[in-house]
N, C-alpha and C. Protein backbone atom coordinates (compact mmCIF):
# COMPACT_ATOMS: atom_id res chain seq x y z
N MET A 1 170.61 111.91 76.36
CA MET A 1 170.67 113.15 75.62
C MET A 1 170.99 112.87 74.15
N PHE A 2 172.16 112.33 73.85
CA PHE A 2 172.53 111.92 72.50
C PHE A 2 172.82 110.43 72.52
N SER A 3 172.43 109.76 71.47
CA SER A 3 172.77 108.33 71.38
C SER A 3 174.19 108.21 70.83
N ASN A 4 174.76 107.04 70.98
CA ASN A 4 176.11 106.80 70.46
C ASN A 4 176.16 106.99 68.95
N VAL A 5 175.09 106.64 68.26
CA VAL A 5 175.04 106.82 66.82
C VAL A 5 175.07 108.30 66.46
N GLN A 6 174.28 109.11 67.18
CA GLN A 6 174.26 110.55 66.91
C GLN A 6 175.63 111.17 67.17
N LEU A 7 176.28 110.77 68.27
CA LEU A 7 177.61 111.30 68.56
C LEU A 7 178.62 110.89 67.51
N ALA A 8 178.54 109.65 67.05
CA ALA A 8 179.46 109.18 66.02
C ALA A 8 179.26 109.94 64.71
N GLU A 9 177.99 110.23 64.37
CA GLU A 9 177.71 110.99 63.15
C GLU A 9 178.22 112.42 63.27
N TRP A 10 178.14 113.01 64.43
CA TRP A 10 178.57 114.40 64.64
C TRP A 10 180.10 114.48 64.71
N ALA A 11 180.74 113.52 65.34
CA ALA A 11 182.17 113.60 65.60
C ALA A 11 183.01 112.93 64.52
N GLY A 12 182.41 112.36 63.53
CA GLY A 12 183.16 111.63 62.51
C GLY A 12 183.99 112.52 61.60
N ARG A 13 184.79 111.88 60.79
CA ARG A 13 185.66 112.60 59.86
C ARG A 13 185.06 112.65 58.46
N GLU A 14 183.88 112.05 58.29
CA GLU A 14 183.29 112.09 56.97
C GLU A 14 182.85 113.52 56.66
N PRO A 15 182.86 113.88 55.37
CA PRO A 15 182.57 115.26 54.96
C PRO A 15 181.24 115.82 55.48
N ALA A 16 180.21 115.00 55.56
CA ALA A 16 178.92 115.51 56.06
C ALA A 16 179.02 115.93 57.52
N ALA A 17 179.74 115.17 58.33
CA ALA A 17 179.93 115.53 59.74
C ALA A 17 180.76 116.80 59.86
N VAL A 18 181.79 116.90 59.05
CA VAL A 18 182.63 118.11 59.07
C VAL A 18 181.79 119.32 58.68
N ARG A 19 180.96 119.15 57.67
CA ARG A 19 180.10 120.26 57.23
C ARG A 19 179.21 120.75 58.37
N ARG A 20 178.60 119.81 59.10
CA ARG A 20 177.73 120.20 60.21
C ARG A 20 178.51 120.94 61.30
N ARG A 21 179.70 120.45 61.62
CA ARG A 21 180.51 121.10 62.66
C ARG A 21 180.94 122.50 62.25
N VAL A 22 181.37 122.64 61.01
CA VAL A 22 181.83 123.95 60.54
C VAL A 22 180.66 124.93 60.47
N GLU A 23 179.51 124.47 60.02
CA GLU A 23 178.33 125.34 60.00
C GLU A 23 177.95 125.79 61.40
N ALA A 24 178.05 124.88 62.38
CA ALA A 24 177.73 125.24 63.77
C ALA A 24 178.74 126.24 64.31
N ALA A 25 180.01 126.05 64.01
CA ALA A 25 181.05 126.98 64.48
C ALA A 25 180.85 128.36 63.86
N GLU A 26 180.53 128.40 62.57
CA GLU A 26 180.30 129.69 61.91
C GLU A 26 179.09 130.39 62.51
N ARG A 27 178.03 129.65 62.76
CA ARG A 27 176.83 130.24 63.36
C ARG A 27 177.15 130.82 64.73
N LEU A 28 177.93 130.11 65.54
CA LEU A 28 178.32 130.58 66.87
C LEU A 28 179.19 131.84 66.78
N LEU A 29 180.10 131.86 65.84
CA LEU A 29 181.03 132.99 65.73
C LEU A 29 180.43 134.20 65.03
N GLU A 30 179.47 134.01 64.16
CA GLU A 30 178.98 135.13 63.36
C GLU A 30 177.50 135.47 63.52
N ARG A 31 176.65 134.52 63.97
CA ARG A 31 175.21 134.77 63.94
C ARG A 31 174.48 134.18 65.14
N VAL A 32 175.01 134.34 66.34
CA VAL A 32 174.38 133.72 67.50
C VAL A 32 173.16 134.53 68.00
N THR A 33 173.13 135.82 67.72
CA THR A 33 172.03 136.67 68.13
C THR A 33 171.95 137.86 67.18
N VAL A 34 170.99 138.74 67.39
CA VAL A 34 170.90 139.96 66.58
C VAL A 34 171.04 141.17 67.49
N ILE A 35 171.50 142.27 66.91
CA ILE A 35 171.59 143.52 67.66
C ILE A 35 170.17 143.98 67.93
N PRO A 36 169.82 144.24 69.19
CA PRO A 36 168.44 144.63 69.52
C PRO A 36 167.98 145.85 68.69
N GLY A 37 166.77 145.75 68.16
CA GLY A 37 166.20 146.82 67.37
C GLY A 37 166.62 146.81 65.91
N THR A 38 167.45 145.84 65.53
CA THR A 38 167.88 145.72 64.14
C THR A 38 167.73 144.27 63.70
N ARG A 39 168.10 144.01 62.48
CA ARG A 39 168.14 142.63 61.98
C ARG A 39 169.58 142.22 61.73
N ILE A 40 170.53 142.93 62.31
CA ILE A 40 171.95 142.65 62.08
C ILE A 40 172.40 141.53 63.02
N PRO A 41 172.81 140.39 62.45
CA PRO A 41 173.27 139.28 63.29
C PRO A 41 174.69 139.51 63.79
N VAL A 42 174.95 139.08 65.02
CA VAL A 42 176.30 139.13 65.59
C VAL A 42 176.56 137.82 66.29
N GLY A 43 177.84 137.51 66.43
CA GLY A 43 178.23 136.30 67.11
C GLY A 43 179.34 136.56 68.08
N LEU A 44 179.94 135.48 68.54
CA LEU A 44 181.02 135.62 69.53
C LEU A 44 182.20 136.41 68.99
N ASP A 45 182.46 136.35 67.69
CA ASP A 45 183.56 137.10 67.11
C ASP A 45 183.40 138.59 67.42
N ALA A 46 182.24 139.14 67.17
CA ALA A 46 182.01 140.56 67.43
C ALA A 46 181.88 140.84 68.93
N LEU A 47 181.21 139.96 69.66
CA LEU A 47 181.00 140.20 71.09
C LEU A 47 182.30 140.12 71.89
N MET A 48 183.15 139.16 71.53
CA MET A 48 184.42 139.03 72.23
C MET A 48 185.36 140.19 71.89
N GLY A 49 185.09 140.87 70.78
CA GLY A 49 185.90 142.02 70.40
C GLY A 49 185.82 143.16 71.39
N PHE A 50 184.82 143.17 72.24
CA PHE A 50 184.70 144.23 73.24
C PHE A 50 185.72 144.06 74.37
N ILE A 51 186.32 142.89 74.46
CA ILE A 51 187.41 142.67 75.41
C ILE A 51 188.70 142.99 74.65
N PRO A 52 189.36 144.10 74.99
CA PRO A 52 190.53 144.55 74.21
C PRO A 52 191.58 143.44 74.03
N VAL A 53 192.06 143.31 72.84
CA VAL A 53 193.12 142.43 72.37
C VAL A 53 192.84 140.96 72.67
N ILE A 54 192.65 140.59 73.92
CA ILE A 54 192.48 139.19 74.28
C ILE A 54 191.23 138.60 73.64
N GLY A 55 190.15 139.35 73.62
CA GLY A 55 188.92 138.86 73.01
C GLY A 55 189.09 138.60 71.53
N ASP A 56 189.80 139.52 70.84
CA ASP A 56 190.03 139.35 69.41
C ASP A 56 190.96 138.18 69.13
N LEU A 57 191.96 137.98 69.97
CA LEU A 57 192.85 136.85 69.80
C LEU A 57 192.11 135.53 70.02
N ALA A 58 191.24 135.51 71.02
CA ALA A 58 190.46 134.30 71.29
C ALA A 58 189.50 134.00 70.13
N ALA A 59 188.85 135.05 69.61
CA ALA A 59 187.95 134.86 68.47
C ALA A 59 188.73 134.39 67.24
N GLY A 60 189.93 134.92 67.05
CA GLY A 60 190.78 134.48 65.95
C GLY A 60 191.16 133.02 66.09
N ALA A 61 191.47 132.61 67.31
CA ALA A 61 191.81 131.21 67.55
C ALA A 61 190.62 130.30 67.25
N MET A 62 189.43 130.76 67.61
CA MET A 62 188.23 129.98 67.31
C MET A 62 187.99 129.91 65.80
N GLY A 63 188.30 130.99 65.09
CA GLY A 63 188.18 131.00 63.64
C GLY A 63 189.17 130.04 62.98
N LEU A 64 190.32 129.83 63.63
CA LEU A 64 191.31 128.90 63.10
C LEU A 64 190.81 127.45 63.14
N TYR A 65 189.86 127.17 64.00
CA TYR A 65 189.26 125.83 64.03
C TYR A 65 188.65 125.50 62.66
N ILE A 66 187.96 126.46 62.07
CA ILE A 66 187.33 126.24 60.76
C ILE A 66 188.41 125.96 59.71
N VAL A 67 189.52 126.69 59.79
CA VAL A 67 190.63 126.47 58.86
C VAL A 67 191.22 125.08 59.07
N TRP A 68 191.34 124.66 60.31
CA TRP A 68 191.87 123.34 60.63
C TRP A 68 190.99 122.24 60.02
N GLU A 69 189.68 122.41 60.16
CA GLU A 69 188.76 121.43 59.57
C GLU A 69 188.91 121.42 58.04
N ALA A 70 189.09 122.60 57.44
CA ALA A 70 189.27 122.67 55.99
C ALA A 70 190.54 121.95 55.56
N ARG A 71 191.59 122.10 56.33
CA ARG A 71 192.85 121.42 56.04
C ARG A 71 192.66 119.91 56.10
N ASN A 72 191.93 119.45 57.11
CA ASN A 72 191.67 118.02 57.24
C ASN A 72 190.81 117.47 56.10
N LEU A 73 189.98 118.33 55.51
CA LEU A 73 189.17 117.92 54.36
C LEU A 73 190.00 117.82 53.09
N GLY A 74 191.19 118.40 53.11
CA GLY A 74 192.05 118.35 51.93
C GLY A 74 191.85 119.49 50.96
N LEU A 75 191.39 120.66 51.44
CA LEU A 75 191.26 121.81 50.56
C LEU A 75 192.64 122.20 50.04
N PRO A 76 192.71 122.77 48.85
CA PRO A 76 193.99 123.16 48.27
C PRO A 76 194.72 124.19 49.15
N ARG A 77 196.04 124.19 49.05
CA ARG A 77 196.85 125.11 49.86
C ARG A 77 196.48 126.57 49.62
N TRP A 78 196.17 126.90 48.37
CA TRP A 78 195.82 128.28 48.07
C TRP A 78 194.54 128.68 48.83
N THR A 79 193.58 127.80 48.89
CA THR A 79 192.34 128.08 49.61
C THR A 79 192.60 128.19 51.11
N ILE A 80 193.45 127.33 51.64
CA ILE A 80 193.80 127.39 53.06
C ILE A 80 194.50 128.72 53.35
N ALA A 81 195.41 129.14 52.47
CA ALA A 81 196.10 130.42 52.64
C ALA A 81 195.10 131.58 52.63
N ARG A 82 194.13 131.51 51.74
CA ARG A 82 193.09 132.54 51.67
C ARG A 82 192.27 132.58 52.97
N MET A 83 191.96 131.41 53.49
CA MET A 83 191.21 131.33 54.73
C MET A 83 192.03 131.90 55.90
N LEU A 84 193.30 131.56 55.95
CA LEU A 84 194.18 132.11 56.99
C LEU A 84 194.26 133.63 56.89
N ALA A 85 194.33 134.14 55.66
CA ALA A 85 194.35 135.59 55.46
C ALA A 85 193.06 136.23 55.97
N ASN A 86 191.92 135.59 55.71
CA ASN A 86 190.64 136.11 56.21
C ASN A 86 190.65 136.22 57.73
N VAL A 87 191.08 135.16 58.40
CA VAL A 87 191.10 135.14 59.87
C VAL A 87 192.12 136.15 60.39
N GLY A 88 193.30 136.19 59.78
CA GLY A 88 194.34 137.12 60.22
C GLY A 88 193.92 138.57 60.07
N PHE A 89 193.33 138.90 58.92
CA PHE A 89 192.88 140.27 58.67
C PHE A 89 191.78 140.65 59.67
N ASP A 90 190.84 139.76 59.89
CA ASP A 90 189.76 140.00 60.84
C ASP A 90 190.32 140.22 62.25
N THR A 91 191.28 139.42 62.63
CA THR A 91 191.87 139.52 63.98
C THR A 91 192.65 140.82 64.14
N MET A 92 193.45 141.17 63.14
CA MET A 92 194.26 142.39 63.25
C MET A 92 193.41 143.65 63.28
N VAL A 93 192.49 143.78 62.34
CA VAL A 93 191.67 144.98 62.30
C VAL A 93 190.69 144.99 63.48
N GLY A 94 190.20 143.83 63.86
CA GLY A 94 189.29 143.75 64.99
C GLY A 94 189.91 144.16 66.30
N ALA A 95 191.24 144.10 66.41
CA ALA A 95 191.93 144.48 67.64
C ALA A 95 192.02 145.99 67.83
N VAL A 96 191.73 146.77 66.78
CA VAL A 96 191.76 148.22 66.89
C VAL A 96 190.54 148.67 67.69
N PRO A 97 190.74 149.44 68.77
CA PRO A 97 189.60 149.86 69.60
C PRO A 97 188.54 150.61 68.79
N LEU A 98 187.29 150.37 69.12
CA LEU A 98 186.09 150.95 68.52
C LEU A 98 185.92 150.65 67.04
N VAL A 99 186.88 151.03 66.21
CA VAL A 99 186.79 150.75 64.78
C VAL A 99 186.73 149.24 64.55
N GLY A 100 187.53 148.50 65.29
CA GLY A 100 187.57 147.06 65.16
C GLY A 100 186.26 146.41 65.56
N ASP A 101 185.58 146.98 66.54
CA ASP A 101 184.29 146.42 66.96
C ASP A 101 183.25 146.53 65.84
N ALA A 102 183.21 147.68 65.18
CA ALA A 102 182.29 147.84 64.05
C ALA A 102 182.72 146.94 62.89
N PHE A 103 184.02 146.83 62.69
CA PHE A 103 184.54 146.00 61.60
C PHE A 103 184.14 144.54 61.80
N ASP A 104 184.18 144.06 63.04
CA ASP A 104 183.83 142.66 63.32
C ASP A 104 182.39 142.35 62.94
N VAL A 105 181.51 143.34 63.02
CA VAL A 105 180.12 143.14 62.65
C VAL A 105 179.98 143.07 61.13
N LEU A 106 180.81 143.84 60.42
CA LEU A 106 180.68 143.94 58.96
C LEU A 106 181.50 142.91 58.19
N PHE A 107 182.71 142.60 58.64
CA PHE A 107 183.57 141.66 57.94
C PHE A 107 183.47 140.31 58.63
N ARG A 108 182.88 139.37 57.98
CA ARG A 108 182.62 138.05 58.57
C ARG A 108 183.56 137.02 57.97
N SER A 109 184.75 136.95 58.54
CA SER A 109 185.76 136.03 58.00
C SER A 109 185.32 134.58 58.08
N ASN A 110 184.63 134.22 59.14
CA ASN A 110 184.19 132.83 59.31
C ASN A 110 183.11 132.45 58.30
N THR A 111 182.26 133.40 57.95
CA THR A 111 181.25 133.16 56.93
C THR A 111 181.91 133.00 55.56
N LYS A 112 182.92 133.83 55.29
CA LYS A 112 183.66 133.71 54.03
C LYS A 112 184.35 132.34 53.97
N ASN A 113 184.94 131.92 55.08
CA ASN A 113 185.62 130.64 55.10
C ASN A 113 184.64 129.47 54.97
N LEU A 114 183.49 129.59 55.59
CA LEU A 114 182.47 128.54 55.43
C LEU A 114 182.05 128.43 53.97
N ARG A 115 181.91 129.56 53.30
CA ARG A 115 181.53 129.55 51.89
C ARG A 115 182.58 128.80 51.05
N LEU A 116 183.86 129.01 51.36
CA LEU A 116 184.93 128.31 50.64
C LEU A 116 184.86 126.80 50.87
N ILE A 117 184.59 126.41 52.11
CA ILE A 117 184.48 124.98 52.43
C ILE A 117 183.27 124.37 51.72
N LYS A 118 182.14 125.06 51.74
CA LYS A 118 180.94 124.54 51.09
C LYS A 118 181.17 124.38 49.59
N ARG A 119 181.86 125.33 48.98
CA ARG A 119 182.14 125.23 47.55
C ARG A 119 182.95 123.96 47.27
N HIS A 120 183.94 123.70 48.12
CA HIS A 120 184.77 122.50 47.96
C HIS A 120 183.93 121.23 48.16
N LEU A 121 183.13 121.22 49.23
CA LEU A 121 182.31 120.04 49.52
C LEU A 121 181.28 119.78 48.41
N ASP A 122 180.66 120.84 47.93
CA ASP A 122 179.65 120.67 46.88
C ASP A 122 180.27 120.11 45.60
N LYS A 123 181.52 120.46 45.35
CA LYS A 123 182.19 119.98 44.14
C LYS A 123 182.73 118.55 44.31
N HIS A 124 183.38 118.30 45.46
CA HIS A 124 184.06 117.02 45.66
C HIS A 124 183.26 115.99 46.45
N HIS A 125 182.27 116.43 47.19
CA HIS A 125 181.43 115.53 48.00
C HIS A 125 179.97 115.98 47.87
N PRO A 126 179.38 115.84 46.70
CA PRO A 126 178.03 116.37 46.48
C PRO A 126 176.96 115.77 47.39
N GLY A 127 177.23 114.62 47.97
CA GLY A 127 176.26 114.01 48.87
C GLY A 127 176.07 114.77 50.17
N THR A 128 176.98 115.71 50.46
CA THR A 128 176.87 116.48 51.70
C THR A 128 176.01 117.73 51.52
N ALA A 129 175.64 118.04 50.29
CA ALA A 129 174.88 119.26 50.02
C ALA A 129 173.54 119.21 50.74
N VAL A 130 173.15 120.35 51.28
CA VAL A 130 171.90 120.48 51.99
C VAL A 130 171.03 121.45 51.23
N ILE A 131 169.79 121.08 50.98
CA ILE A 131 168.85 121.97 50.30
C ILE A 131 168.12 122.75 51.37
N ASP A 132 168.31 124.07 51.36
CA ASP A 132 167.63 124.92 52.34
C ASP A 132 166.22 125.24 51.86
N ALA A 133 165.26 125.02 52.71
CA ALA A 133 163.87 125.35 52.39
C ALA A 133 163.59 126.80 52.72
N LEU A 134 162.78 127.42 51.93
CA LEU A 134 162.46 128.84 52.18
C LEU A 134 161.41 128.97 53.22
C-alpha cells in the first residue's frame, strides 16, 4: 500500500510533512463533502455537531491536533493563543443546539488555523510552499 519511504515522508517532523498532515486534517474537519444541492462544503466538525455536546467536544479535540502541530513547528505564542481561541470559540458556540450547527458550517476555525500555519511556513520554510494549479 505505502512504501517505507512514503510513510517516512508523511510521518516526519520536517515542515513539508507537517504541512501535508495539517492540510489533510483541515480538509477532513472542514471540507470532506458538500451539502446536497449546494456548493457549501462541510466536514466532520459540522457533522459531529449534530451529536449534542459530545460531538462538538470531539471535533474541538480534533481541531487541537492542528494547534499541536503548529506548536511543534515553533509558531509564536501569540499565534498559538489565537489558534486556541479559534478552536475554543468554535467549540463553545458549536455546542449551542441548532444555532451551533449552522455556526459550524460558517465559522471554520480549522481553516483559519491552517491559514496561520501556512503563513508561518511560507515565511520561514519557503521550500514547503505548494503552487496550486487552476
